PDB file of all heavy atoms in Angstrom:
ATOM      1  N   TRP A   1       1.269  13.780  -6.746  1.00  0.00           N
ATOM      2  CA  TRP A   1       0.528  13.818  -5.491  1.00  0.00           C
ATOM      3  C   TRP A   1       0.416  12.411  -4.928  1.00  0.00           C
ATOM      4  O   TRP A   1      -0.082  11.502  -5.607  1.00  0.00           O
ATOM      5  CB  TRP A   1      -0.862  14.410  -5.709  1.00  0.00           C
ATOM      6  CG  TRP A   1      -0.853  15.888  -5.928  1.00  0.00           C
ATOM      7  CD1 TRP A   1      -1.096  16.861  -4.988  1.00  0.00           C
ATOM      8  CD2 TRP A   1      -0.575  16.577  -7.145  1.00  0.00           C
ATOM      9  NE1 TRP A   1      -0.987  18.100  -5.562  1.00  0.00           N
ATOM     10  CE2 TRP A   1      -0.665  17.970  -6.885  1.00  0.00           C
ATOM     11  CE3 TRP A   1      -0.251  16.171  -8.442  1.00  0.00           C
ATOM     12  CZ2 TRP A   1      -0.451  18.935  -7.855  1.00  0.00           C
ATOM     13  CZ3 TRP A   1      -0.026  17.127  -9.423  1.00  0.00           C
ATOM     14  CH2 TRP A   1      -0.123  18.501  -9.115  1.00  0.00           C
ATOM     15  N   ALA A   2       0.880  12.249  -3.722  1.00  0.00           N
ATOM     16  CA  ALA A   2       0.742  10.950  -3.061  1.00  0.00           C
ATOM     17  C   ALA A   2      -0.731  10.668  -2.811  1.00  0.00           C
ATOM     18  O   ALA A   2      -1.510  11.577  -2.512  1.00  0.00           O
ATOM     19  CB  ALA A   2       1.507  10.948  -1.737  1.00  0.00           C
ATOM     20  N   PRO A   3      -1.143   9.409  -2.924  1.00  0.00           N
ATOM     21  CA  PRO A   3      -2.563   9.091  -2.727  1.00  0.00           C
ATOM     22  C   PRO A   3      -3.002   9.316  -1.291  1.00  0.00           C
ATOM     23  O   PRO A   3      -2.182   9.335  -0.358  1.00  0.00           O
ATOM     24  CB  PRO A   3      -2.644   7.607  -3.109  1.00  0.00           C
ATOM     25  CG  PRO A   3      -1.270   7.081  -2.886  1.00  0.00           C
ATOM     26  CD  PRO A   3      -0.346   8.207  -3.228  1.00  0.00           C
ATOM     27  N   ILE A   4      -4.299   9.488  -1.109  1.00  0.00           N
ATOM     28  CA  ILE A   4      -4.861   9.589   0.238  1.00  0.00           C
ATOM     29  C   ILE A   4      -4.502   8.349   1.045  1.00  0.00           C
ATOM     30  O   ILE A   4      -4.275   8.415   2.257  1.00  0.00           O
ATOM     31  CB  ILE A   4      -6.389   9.786   0.164  1.00  0.00           C
ATOM     32  CG1 ILE A   4      -6.722  11.119  -0.515  1.00  0.00           C
ATOM     33  CG2 ILE A   4      -7.014   9.737   1.558  1.00  0.00           C
ATOM     34  CD1 ILE A   4      -8.200  11.323  -0.776  1.00  0.00           C
ATOM     35  N   ALA A   5      -4.406   7.208   0.364  1.00  0.00           N
ATOM     36  CA  ALA A   5      -4.064   5.951   1.038  1.00  0.00           C
ATOM     37  C   ALA A   5      -2.727   6.014   1.753  1.00  0.00           C
ATOM     38  O   ALA A   5      -2.481   5.233   2.687  1.00  0.00           O
ATOM     39  CB  ALA A   5      -4.048   4.811   0.024  1.00  0.00           C
ATOM     40  N   SER A   6      -1.842   6.932   1.346  1.00  0.00           N
ATOM     41  CA  SER A   6      -0.509   7.018   1.948  1.00  0.00           C
ATOM     42  C   SER A   6      -0.506   7.812   3.246  1.00  0.00           C
ATOM     43  O   SER A   6       0.501   7.819   3.968  1.00  0.00           O
ATOM     44  CB  SER A   6       0.471   7.660   0.966  1.00  0.00           C
ATOM     45  OG  SER A   6       0.167   9.035   0.762  1.00  0.00           O
ATOM     46  N   LEU A   7      -1.601   8.494   3.578  1.00  0.00           N
ATOM     47  CA  LEU A   7      -1.659   9.287   4.802  1.00  0.00           C
ATOM     48  C   LEU A   7      -1.782   8.363   6.027  1.00  0.00           C
ATOM     49  O   LEU A   7      -2.324   7.256   5.923  1.00  0.00           O
ATOM     50  CB  LEU A   7      -2.840  10.252   4.744  1.00  0.00           C
ATOM     51  CG  LEU A   7      -2.732  11.335   3.652  1.00  0.00           C
ATOM     52  CD1 LEU A   7      -4.021  12.142   3.567  1.00  0.00           C
ATOM     53  CD2 LEU A   7      -1.542  12.248   3.915  1.00  0.00           C
ATOM     54  N   PRO A   8      -1.269   8.783   7.184  1.00  0.00           N
ATOM     55  CA  PRO A   8      -1.282   7.918   8.368  1.00  0.00           C
ATOM     56  C   PRO A   8      -2.671   7.366   8.673  1.00  0.00           C
ATOM     57  O   PRO A   8      -3.656   8.109   8.728  1.00  0.00           O
ATOM     58  CB  PRO A   8      -0.797   8.858   9.484  1.00  0.00           C
ATOM     59  CG  PRO A   8       0.069   9.857   8.781  1.00  0.00           C
ATOM     60  CD  PRO A   8      -0.592  10.078   7.446  1.00  0.00           C
ATOM     61  N   GLY A   9      -2.730   6.057   8.831  1.00  0.00           N
ATOM     62  CA  GLY A   9      -3.974   5.389   9.186  1.00  0.00           C
ATOM     63  C   GLY A   9      -4.856   5.008   8.019  1.00  0.00           C
ATOM     64  O   GLY A   9      -5.830   4.256   8.194  1.00  0.00           O
ATOM     65  N   MET A  10      -4.538   5.518   6.803  1.00  0.00           N
ATOM     66  CA  MET A  10      -5.443   5.302   5.682  1.00  0.00           C
ATOM     67  C   MET A  10      -5.123   4.050   4.857  1.00  0.00           C
ATOM     68  O   MET A  10      -5.991   3.541   4.145  1.00  0.00           O
ATOM     69  CB  MET A  10      -5.436   6.514   4.757  1.00  0.00           C
ATOM     70  CG  MET A  10      -6.155   7.725   5.330  1.00  0.00           C
ATOM     71  SD  MET A  10      -7.880   7.403   5.784  1.00  0.00           S
ATOM     72  CE  MET A  10      -8.570   6.956   4.187  1.00  0.00           C
ATOM     73  N   GLY A  11      -3.902   3.555   4.901  1.00  0.00           N
ATOM     74  CA  GLY A  11      -3.545   2.405   4.074  1.00  0.00           C
ATOM     75  C   GLY A  11      -4.401   1.193   4.339  1.00  0.00           C
ATOM     76  O   GLY A  11      -4.814   0.481   3.412  1.00  0.00           O
ATOM     77  N   GLU A  12      -4.726   0.938   5.605  1.00  0.00           N
ATOM     78  CA  GLU A  12      -5.482  -0.260   5.964  1.00  0.00           C
ATOM     79  C   GLU A  12      -6.962  -0.144   5.656  1.00  0.00           C
ATOM     80  O   GLU A  12      -7.677  -1.148   5.661  1.00  0.00           O
ATOM     81  CB  GLU A  12      -5.292  -0.553   7.452  1.00  0.00           C
ATOM     82  CG  GLU A  12      -5.873   0.510   8.377  1.00  0.00           C
ATOM     83  CD  GLU A  12      -5.612   0.208   9.839  1.00  0.00           C
ATOM     84  OE1 GLU A  12      -4.857  -0.740  10.125  1.00  0.00           O
ATOM     85  OE2 GLU A  12      -6.170   0.923  10.704  1.00  0.00           O
ATOM     86  N   ARG A  13      -7.451   1.065   5.397  1.00  0.00           N
ATOM     87  CA  ARG A  13      -8.884   1.254   5.150  1.00  0.00           C
ATOM     88  C   ARG A  13      -9.159   1.805   3.754  1.00  0.00           C
ATOM     89  O   ARG A  13     -10.230   2.345   3.497  1.00  0.00           O
ATOM     90  CB  ARG A  13      -9.487   2.163   6.222  1.00  0.00           C
ATOM     91  CG  ARG A  13      -8.942   3.583   6.245  1.00  0.00           C
ATOM     92  CD  ARG A  13      -9.508   4.375   7.418  1.00  0.00           C
ATOM     93  NE  ARG A  13      -9.044   3.832   8.676  1.00  0.00           N
ATOM     94  CZ  ARG A  13      -9.841   3.577   9.721  1.00  0.00           C
ATOM     95  NH1 ARG A  13     -11.124   3.845   9.660  1.00  0.00           N
ATOM     96  NH2 ARG A  13      -9.348   3.088  10.839  1.00  0.00           N
ATOM     97  N   THR A  14      -8.167   1.673   2.836  1.00  0.00           N
ATOM     98  CA  THR A  14      -8.329   2.158   1.471  1.00  0.00           C
ATOM     99  C   THR A  14      -8.074   1.043   0.472  1.00  0.00           C
ATOM    100  O   THR A  14      -7.091   0.300   0.594  1.00  0.00           O
ATOM    101  CB  THR A  14      -7.353   3.314   1.177  1.00  0.00           C
ATOM    102  OG1 THR A  14      -7.567   4.378   2.105  1.00  0.00           O
ATOM    103  CG2 THR A  14      -7.544   3.846  -0.238  1.00  0.00           C
ATOM    104  N   LEU A  15      -8.949   0.933  -0.509  1.00  0.00           N
ATOM    105  CA  LEU A  15      -8.688   0.135  -1.707  1.00  0.00           C
ATOM    106  C   LEU A  15      -8.216   1.108  -2.775  1.00  0.00           C
ATOM    107  O   LEU A  15      -8.972   1.986  -3.209  1.00  0.00           O
ATOM    108  CB  LEU A  15      -9.946  -0.598  -2.166  1.00  0.00           C
ATOM    109  CG  LEU A  15     -10.574  -1.574  -1.168  1.00  0.00           C
ATOM    110  CD1 LEU A  15     -11.786  -2.265  -1.793  1.00  0.00           C
ATOM    111  CD2 LEU A  15      -9.558  -2.610  -0.702  1.00  0.00           C
ATOM    112  N   LEU A  16      -6.948   0.985  -3.177  1.00  0.00           N
ATOM    113  CA  LEU A  16      -6.325   1.902  -4.126  1.00  0.00           C
ATOM    114  C   LEU A  16      -6.227   1.227  -5.480  1.00  0.00           C
ATOM    115  O   LEU A  16      -5.590   0.176  -5.620  1.00  0.00           O
ATOM    116  CB  LEU A  16      -4.941   2.315  -3.629  1.00  0.00           C
ATOM    117  CG  LEU A  16      -4.118   3.220  -4.540  1.00  0.00           C
ATOM    118  CD1 LEU A  16      -4.821   4.552  -4.792  1.00  0.00           C
ATOM    119  CD2 LEU A  16      -2.723   3.446  -3.943  1.00  0.00           C
ATOM    120  N   LEU A  17      -6.865   1.833  -6.494  1.00  0.00           N
ATOM    121  CA  LEU A  17      -6.898   1.268  -7.844  1.00  0.00           C
ATOM    122  C   LEU A  17      -5.940   2.020  -8.758  1.00  0.00           C
ATOM    123  O   LEU A  17      -5.944   3.254  -8.798  1.00  0.00           O
ATOM    124  CB  LEU A  17      -8.307   1.342  -8.433  1.00  0.00           C
ATOM    125  CG  LEU A  17      -9.330   0.303  -7.989  1.00  0.00           C
ATOM    126  CD1 LEU A  17      -9.717   0.506  -6.534  1.00  0.00           C
ATOM    127  CD2 LEU A  17     -10.580   0.353  -8.865  1.00  0.00           C
ATOM    128  N   ASN A  18      -5.133   1.251  -9.497  1.00  0.00           N
ATOM    129  CA  ASN A  18      -4.250   1.800 -10.531  1.00  0.00           C
ATOM    130  C   ASN A  18      -4.451   1.049 -11.836  1.00  0.00           C
ATOM    131  O   ASN A  18      -4.989  -0.056 -11.846  1.00  0.00           O
ATOM    132  CB  ASN A  18      -2.780   1.677 -10.122  1.00  0.00           C
ATOM    133  CG  ASN A  18      -2.420   2.535  -8.931  1.00  0.00           C
ATOM    134  OD1 ASN A  18      -1.995   2.007  -7.915  1.00  0.00           O
ATOM    135  ND2 ASN A  18      -2.562   3.834  -9.040  1.00  0.00           N
ATOM    136  N   SER A  19      -3.985   1.655 -12.919  1.00  0.00           N
ATOM    137  CA  SER A  19      -4.159   1.055 -14.237  1.00  0.00           C
ATOM    138  C   SER A  19      -2.972   1.392 -15.125  1.00  0.00           C
ATOM    139  O   SER A  19      -2.399   2.478 -15.018  1.00  0.00           O
ATOM    140  CB  SER A  19      -5.444   1.571 -14.889  1.00  0.00           C
ATOM    141  OG  SER A  19      -5.554   1.114 -16.221  1.00  0.00           O
ATOM    142  N   MET A  20      -2.624   0.464 -16.004  1.00  0.00           N
ATOM    143  CA  MET A  20      -1.617   0.738 -17.040  1.00  0.00           C
ATOM    144  C   MET A  20      -2.238   1.281 -18.315  1.00  0.00           C
ATOM    145  O   MET A  20      -1.523   1.613 -19.260  1.00  0.00           O
ATOM    146  CB  MET A  20      -0.842  -0.539 -17.346  1.00  0.00           C
ATOM    147  CG  MET A  20       0.055  -1.007 -16.222  1.00  0.00           C
ATOM    148  SD  MET A  20       1.382   0.168 -15.839  1.00  0.00           S
ATOM    149  CE  MET A  20       2.421  -0.019 -17.282  1.00  0.00           C
ATOM    150  N   SER A  21      -3.557   1.403 -18.363  1.00  0.00           N
ATOM    151  CA  SER A  21      -4.241   1.789 -19.593  1.00  0.00           C
ATOM    152  C   SER A  21      -3.810   3.166 -20.089  1.00  0.00           C
ATOM    153  O   SER A  21      -3.592   3.370 -21.279  1.00  0.00           O
ATOM    154  CB  SER A  21      -5.755   1.762 -19.383  1.00  0.00           C
ATOM    155  OG  SER A  21      -6.206   0.454 -19.167  1.00  0.00           O
ATOM    156  N   LYS A  22      -3.725   4.133 -19.186  1.00  0.00           N
ATOM    157  CA  LYS A  22      -3.407   5.502 -19.594  1.00  0.00           C
ATOM    158  C   LYS A  22      -1.905   5.751 -19.668  1.00  0.00           C
ATOM    159  O   LYS A  22      -1.476   6.791 -20.164  1.00  0.00           O
ATOM    160  CB  LYS A  22      -4.052   6.500 -18.611  1.00  0.00           C
ATOM    161  CG  LYS A  22      -5.559   6.326 -18.447  1.00  0.00           C
ATOM    162  CD  LYS A  22      -6.289   6.490 -19.757  1.00  0.00           C
ATOM    163  CE  LYS A  22      -7.800   6.513 -19.596  1.00  0.00           C
ATOM    164  NZ  LYS A  22      -8.361   5.225 -19.187  1.00  0.00           N
ATOM    165  N   LEU A  23      -1.098   4.816 -19.150  1.00  0.00           N
ATOM    166  CA  LEU A  23       0.350   5.005 -19.121  1.00  0.00           C
ATOM    167  C   LEU A  23       1.063   4.204 -20.197  1.00  0.00           C
ATOM    168  O   LEU A  23       2.047   4.675 -20.776  1.00  0.00           O
ATOM    169  CB  LEU A  23       0.901   4.600 -17.754  1.00  0.00           C
ATOM    170  CG  LEU A  23       0.241   5.243 -16.539  1.00  0.00           C
ATOM    171  CD1 LEU A  23       0.938   4.796 -15.264  1.00  0.00           C
ATOM    172  CD2 LEU A  23       0.225   6.756 -16.655  1.00  0.00           C
ATOM    173  N   MET A  24       0.582   3.008 -20.476  1.00  0.00           N
ATOM    174  CA  MET A  24       1.241   2.114 -21.434  1.00  0.00           C
ATOM    175  C   MET A  24       0.352   1.847 -22.644  1.00  0.00           C
ATOM    176  O   MET A  24       0.725   2.144 -23.763  1.00  0.00           O
ATOM    177  CB  MET A  24       1.599   0.797 -20.735  1.00  0.00           C
ATOM    178  CG  MET A  24       2.185  -0.269 -21.634  1.00  0.00           C
ATOM    179  SD  MET A  24       2.425  -1.804 -20.679  1.00  0.00           S
ATOM    180  CE  MET A  24       2.769  -2.965 -22.006  1.00  0.00           C
ATOM    181  N   SER A  25      -0.850   1.311 -22.389  1.00  0.00           N
ATOM    182  CA  SER A  25      -1.754   0.972 -23.495  1.00  0.00           C
ATOM    183  C   SER A  25      -3.126   0.615 -22.958  1.00  0.00           C
ATOM    184  O   SER A  25      -3.233  -0.256 -22.090  1.00  0.00           O
ATOM    185  CB  SER A  25      -1.202  -0.231 -24.279  1.00  0.00           C
ATOM    186  OG  SER A  25      -2.235  -0.876 -25.004  1.00  0.00           O
ATOM    187  N   PRO A  26      -4.191   1.255 -23.479  1.00  0.00           N
ATOM    188  CA  PRO A  26      -5.536   0.855 -23.052  1.00  0.00           C
ATOM    189  C   PRO A  26      -5.951  -0.492 -23.614  1.00  0.00           C
ATOM    190  O   PRO A  26      -6.845  -1.143 -23.068  1.00  0.00           O
ATOM    191  CB  PRO A  26      -6.424   1.979 -23.591  1.00  0.00           C
ATOM    192  CG  PRO A  26      -5.664   2.557 -24.733  1.00  0.00           C
ATOM    193  CD  PRO A  26      -4.205   2.403 -24.376  1.00  0.00           C
ATOM    194  N   GLY A  27      -5.297  -0.934 -24.698  1.00  0.00           N
ATOM    195  CA  GLY A  27      -5.633  -2.231 -25.267  1.00  0.00           C
ATOM    196  C   GLY A  27      -5.115  -3.392 -24.438  1.00  0.00           C
ATOM    197  O   GLY A  27      -5.631  -4.508 -24.535  1.00  0.00           O
ATOM    198  N   VAL A  28      -4.085  -3.156 -23.646  1.00  0.00           N
ATOM    199  CA  VAL A  28      -3.568  -4.163 -22.715  1.00  0.00           C
ATOM    200  C   VAL A  28      -4.297  -3.950 -21.399  1.00  0.00           C
ATOM    201  O   VAL A  28      -3.976  -3.065 -20.627  1.00  0.00           O
ATOM    202  CB  VAL A  28      -2.043  -4.016 -22.526  1.00  0.00           C
ATOM    203  CG1 VAL A  28      -1.519  -5.066 -21.542  1.00  0.00           C
ATOM    204  CG2 VAL A  28      -1.318  -4.146 -23.860  1.00  0.00           C
ATOM    205  N   ARG A  29      -5.303  -4.740 -21.142  1.00  0.00           N
ATOM    206  CA  ARG A  29      -6.228  -4.485 -20.034  1.00  0.00           C
ATOM    207  C   ARG A  29      -5.644  -4.993 -18.721  1.00  0.00           C
ATOM    208  O   ARG A  29      -6.004  -6.057 -18.213  1.00  0.00           O
ATOM    209  CB  ARG A  29      -7.583  -5.161 -20.311  1.00  0.00           C
ATOM    210  CG  ARG A  29      -8.243  -4.775 -21.613  1.00  0.00           C
ATOM    211  CD  ARG A  29      -8.527  -3.293 -21.701  1.00  0.00           C
ATOM    212  NE  ARG A  29      -9.349  -2.838 -20.595  1.00  0.00           N
ATOM    213  CZ  ARG A  29      -9.265  -1.623 -20.061  1.00  0.00           C
ATOM    214  NH1 ARG A  29      -8.386  -0.754 -20.510  1.00  0.00           N
ATOM    215  NH2 ARG A  29     -10.062  -1.286 -19.066  1.00  0.00           N
ATOM    216  N   ILE A  30      -4.718  -4.205 -18.152  1.00  0.00           N
ATOM    217  CA  ILE A  30      -4.074  -4.600 -16.908  1.00  0.00           C
ATOM    218  C   ILE A  30      -4.102  -3.438 -15.920  1.00  0.00           C
ATOM    219  O   ILE A  30      -3.696  -2.319 -16.240  1.00  0.00           O
ATOM    220  CB  ILE A  30      -2.610  -5.042 -17.142  1.00  0.00           C
ATOM    221  CG1 ILE A  30      -2.564  -6.312 -17.997  1.00  0.00           C
ATOM    222  CG2 ILE A  30      -1.886  -5.261 -15.818  1.00  0.00           C
ATOM    223  CD1 ILE A  30      -3.193  -7.537 -17.357  1.00  0.00           C
ATOM    224  N   GLY A  31      -4.593  -3.738 -14.724  1.00  0.00           N
ATOM    225  CA  GLY A  31      -4.556  -2.806 -13.608  1.00  0.00           C
ATOM    226  C   GLY A  31      -4.415  -3.598 -12.328  1.00  0.00           C
ATOM    227  O   GLY A  31      -4.178  -4.814 -12.355  1.00  0.00           O
ATOM    228  N   TRP A  32      -4.528  -2.923 -11.183  1.00  0.00           N
ATOM    229  CA  TRP A  32      -4.433  -3.640  -9.914  1.00  0.00           C
ATOM    230  C   TRP A  32      -5.112  -2.862  -8.794  1.00  0.00           C
ATOM    231  O   TRP A  32      -5.368  -1.666  -8.903  1.00  0.00           O
ATOM    232  CB  TRP A  32      -2.985  -3.935  -9.545  1.00  0.00           C
ATOM    233  CG  TRP A  32      -2.052  -2.764  -9.627  1.00  0.00           C
ATOM    234  CD1 TRP A  32      -1.907  -1.749  -8.724  1.00  0.00           C
ATOM    235  CD2 TRP A  32      -1.135  -2.487 -10.687  1.00  0.00           C
ATOM    236  NE1 TRP A  32      -0.957  -0.867  -9.147  1.00  0.00           N
ATOM    237  CE2 TRP A  32      -0.462  -1.286 -10.361  1.00  0.00           C
ATOM    238  CE3 TRP A  32      -0.803  -3.142 -11.883  1.00  0.00           C
ATOM    239  CZ2 TRP A  32       0.515  -0.723 -11.176  1.00  0.00           C
ATOM    240  CZ3 TRP A  32       0.165  -2.576 -12.700  1.00  0.00           C
ATOM    241  CH2 TRP A  32       0.818  -1.389 -12.350  1.00  0.00           C
ATOM    242  N   ILE A  33      -5.416  -3.597  -7.736  1.00  0.00           N
ATOM    243  CA  ILE A  33      -5.958  -3.028  -6.500  1.00  0.00           C
ATOM    244  C   ILE A  33      -4.935  -3.265  -5.407  1.00  0.00           C
ATOM    245  O   ILE A  33      -4.439  -4.389  -5.236  1.00  0.00           O
ATOM    246  CB  ILE A  33      -7.282  -3.689  -6.102  1.00  0.00           C
ATOM    247  CG1 ILE A  33      -8.296  -3.626  -7.248  1.00  0.00           C
ATOM    248  CG2 ILE A  33      -7.858  -3.038  -4.848  1.00  0.00           C
ATOM    249  CD1 ILE A  33      -9.531  -4.482  -7.009  1.00  0.00           C
ATOM    250  N   ARG A  34      -4.616  -2.225  -4.644  1.00  0.00           N
ATOM    251  CA  ARG A  34      -3.760  -2.357  -3.467  1.00  0.00           C
ATOM    252  C   ARG A  34      -4.651  -2.338  -2.232  1.00  0.00           C
ATOM    253  O   ARG A  34      -5.484  -1.450  -2.055  1.00  0.00           O
ATOM    254  CB  ARG A  34      -2.756  -1.218  -3.420  1.00  0.00           C
ATOM    255  CG  ARG A  34      -1.660  -1.414  -2.353  1.00  0.00           C
ATOM    256  CD  ARG A  34      -1.848  -0.414  -1.243  1.00  0.00           C
ATOM    257  NE  ARG A  34      -0.730  -0.502  -0.289  1.00  0.00           N
ATOM    258  CZ  ARG A  34      -0.870  -0.497   1.039  1.00  0.00           C
ATOM    259  NH1 ARG A  34      -2.082  -0.393   1.576  1.00  0.00           N
ATOM    260  NH2 ARG A  34       0.166  -0.584   1.830  1.00  0.00           N
ATOM    261  N   ALA A  35      -4.507  -3.346  -1.375  1.00  0.00           N
ATOM    262  CA  ALA A  35      -5.339  -3.450  -0.177  1.00  0.00           C
ATOM    263  C   ALA A  35      -4.536  -4.086   0.938  1.00  0.00           C
ATOM    264  O   ALA A  35      -3.412  -4.573   0.717  1.00  0.00           O
ATOM    265  CB  ALA A  35      -6.597  -4.259  -0.464  1.00  0.00           C
ATOM    266  N   GLU A  36      -5.111  -4.086   2.128  1.00  0.00           N
ATOM    267  CA  GLU A  36      -4.498  -4.740   3.284  1.00  0.00           C
ATOM    268  C   GLU A  36      -5.552  -5.571   4.002  1.00  0.00           C
ATOM    269  O   GLU A  36      -6.745  -5.241   3.982  1.00  0.00           O
ATOM    270  CB  GLU A  36      -3.919  -3.691   4.253  1.00  0.00           C
ATOM    271  CG  GLU A  36      -2.802  -2.843   3.668  1.00  0.00           C
ATOM    272  CD  GLU A  36      -2.242  -1.827   4.669  1.00  0.00           C
ATOM    273  OE1 GLU A  36      -2.460  -2.004   5.890  1.00  0.00           O
ATOM    274  OE2 GLU A  36      -1.601  -0.853   4.220  1.00  0.00           O
ATOM    275  N   GLY A  37      -5.099  -6.647   4.632  1.00  0.00           N
ATOM    276  CA  GLY A  37      -5.976  -7.412   5.504  1.00  0.00           C
ATOM    277  C   GLY A  37      -6.854  -8.423   4.781  1.00  0.00           C
ATOM    278  O   GLY A  37      -6.608  -8.812   3.635  1.00  0.00           O
ATOM    279  N   SER A  38      -7.917  -8.830   5.454  1.00  0.00           N
ATOM    280  CA  SER A  38      -8.755  -9.941   4.988  1.00  0.00           C
ATOM    281  C   SER A  38      -9.503  -9.635   3.698  1.00  0.00           C
ATOM    282  O   SER A  38      -9.916 -10.561   2.986  1.00  0.00           O
ATOM    283  CB  SER A  38      -9.756 -10.325   6.090  1.00  0.00           C
ATOM    284  OG  SER A  38     -10.592  -9.222   6.404  1.00  0.00           O
ATOM    285  N   ILE A  39      -9.680  -8.349   3.357  1.00  0.00           N
ATOM    286  CA  ILE A  39     -10.384  -8.009   2.121  1.00  0.00           C
ATOM    287  C   ILE A  39      -9.636  -8.544   0.908  1.00  0.00           C
ATOM    288  O   ILE A  39     -10.237  -8.801  -0.144  1.00  0.00           O
ATOM    289  CB  ILE A  39     -10.592  -6.480   2.008  1.00  0.00           C
ATOM    290  CG1 ILE A  39     -11.529  -6.123   0.849  1.00  0.00           C
ATOM    291  CG2 ILE A  39      -9.252  -5.764   1.829  1.00  0.00           C
ATOM    292  CD1 ILE A  39     -12.944  -6.600   1.021  1.00  0.00           C
ATOM    293  N   LEU A  40      -8.323  -8.771   1.023  1.00  0.00           N
ATOM    294  CA  LEU A  40      -7.542  -9.290  -0.097  1.00  0.00           C
ATOM    295  C   LEU A  40      -8.066 -10.647  -0.556  1.00  0.00           C
ATOM    296  O   LEU A  40      -8.159 -10.912  -1.760  1.00  0.00           O
ATOM    297  CB  LEU A  40      -6.066  -9.402   0.297  1.00  0.00           C
ATOM    298  CG  LEU A  40      -5.298  -8.082   0.337  1.00  0.00           C
ATOM    299  CD1 LEU A  40      -4.039  -8.214   1.206  1.00  0.00           C
ATOM    300  CD2 LEU A  40      -4.945  -7.627  -1.073  1.00  0.00           C
ATOM    301  N   ASP A  41      -8.418 -11.514   0.393  1.00  0.00           N
ATOM    302  CA  ASP A  41      -8.956 -12.826   0.022  1.00  0.00           C
ATOM    303  C   ASP A  41     -10.307 -12.679  -0.667  1.00  0.00           C
ATOM    304  O   ASP A  41     -10.595 -13.374  -1.656  1.00  0.00           O
ATOM    305  CB  ASP A  41      -9.098 -13.702   1.262  1.00  0.00           C
ATOM    306  CG  ASP A  41      -7.752 -14.068   1.876  1.00  0.00           C
ATOM    307  OD1 ASP A  41      -6.756 -14.113   1.129  1.00  0.00           O
ATOM    308  OD2 ASP A  41      -7.705 -14.285   3.102  1.00  0.00           O
ATOM    309  N   THR A  42     -11.138 -11.779  -0.169  1.00  0.00           N
ATOM    310  CA  THR A  42     -12.456 -11.569  -0.779  1.00  0.00           C
ATOM    311  C   THR A  42     -12.315 -11.017  -2.191  1.00  0.00           C
ATOM    312  O   THR A  42     -13.054 -11.417  -3.103  1.00  0.00           O
ATOM    313  CB  THR A  42     -13.294 -10.616   0.084  1.00  0.00           C
ATOM    314  OG1 THR A  42     -13.322 -11.088   1.424  1.00  0.00           O
ATOM    315  CG2 THR A  42     -14.715 -10.517  -0.448  1.00  0.00           C
ATOM    316  N   LEU A  43     -11.376 -10.102  -2.398  1.00  0.00           N
ATOM    317  CA  LEU A  43     -11.142  -9.561  -3.740  1.00  0.00           C
ATOM    318  C   LEU A  43     -10.719 -10.657  -4.709  1.00  0.00           C
ATOM    319  O   LEU A  43     -11.157 -10.681  -5.868  1.00  0.00           O
ATOM    320  CB  LEU A  43     -10.073  -8.470  -3.689  1.00  0.00           C
ATOM    321  CG  LEU A  43     -10.437  -7.180  -2.953  1.00  0.00           C
ATOM    322  CD1 LEU A  43      -9.214  -6.289  -2.814  1.00  0.00           C
ATOM    323  CD2 LEU A  43     -11.565  -6.431  -3.669  1.00  0.00           C
ATOM    324  N   ALA A  44      -9.882 -11.587  -4.247  1.00  0.00           N
ATOM    325  CA  ALA A  44      -9.443 -12.684  -5.118  1.00  0.00           C
ATOM    326  C   ALA A  44     -10.606 -13.598  -5.479  1.00  0.00           C
ATOM    327  O   ALA A  44     -10.728 -14.046  -6.628  1.00  0.00           O
ATOM    328  CB  ALA A  44      -8.327 -13.475  -4.433  1.00  0.00           C
ATOM    329  N   VAL A  45     -11.476 -13.871  -4.516  1.00  0.00           N
ATOM    330  CA  VAL A  45     -12.648 -14.717  -4.790  1.00  0.00           C
ATOM    331  C   VAL A  45     -13.584 -14.020  -5.777  1.00  0.00           C
ATOM    332  O   VAL A  45     -14.093 -14.642  -6.717  1.00  0.00           O
ATOM    333  CB  VAL A  45     -13.381 -15.049  -3.476  1.00  0.00           C
ATOM    334  CG1 VAL A  45     -14.710 -15.734  -3.757  1.00  0.00           C
ATOM    335  CG2 VAL A  45     -12.505 -15.935  -2.595  1.00  0.00           C
ATOM    336  N   ALA A  46     -13.809 -12.710  -5.578  1.00  0.00           N
ATOM    337  CA  ALA A  46     -14.672 -11.960  -6.493  1.00  0.00           C
ATOM    338  C   ALA A  46     -14.080 -11.923  -7.888  1.00  0.00           C
ATOM    339  O   ALA A  46     -14.793 -12.084  -8.889  1.00  0.00           O
ATOM    340  CB  ALA A  46     -14.880 -10.541  -5.957  1.00  0.00           C
TER     341      ALA A  46
END
């Protein structure tokens, strides 16, 4: 199922979270946030 973020108009107003924990290993603590626009800088600062 494609994420809601992929629907027209939603990519710019969605923070989409993914993780490798359930696919590769929960002990390797790696995931990511997909975002657009100025919120990206704020996420990096946080």
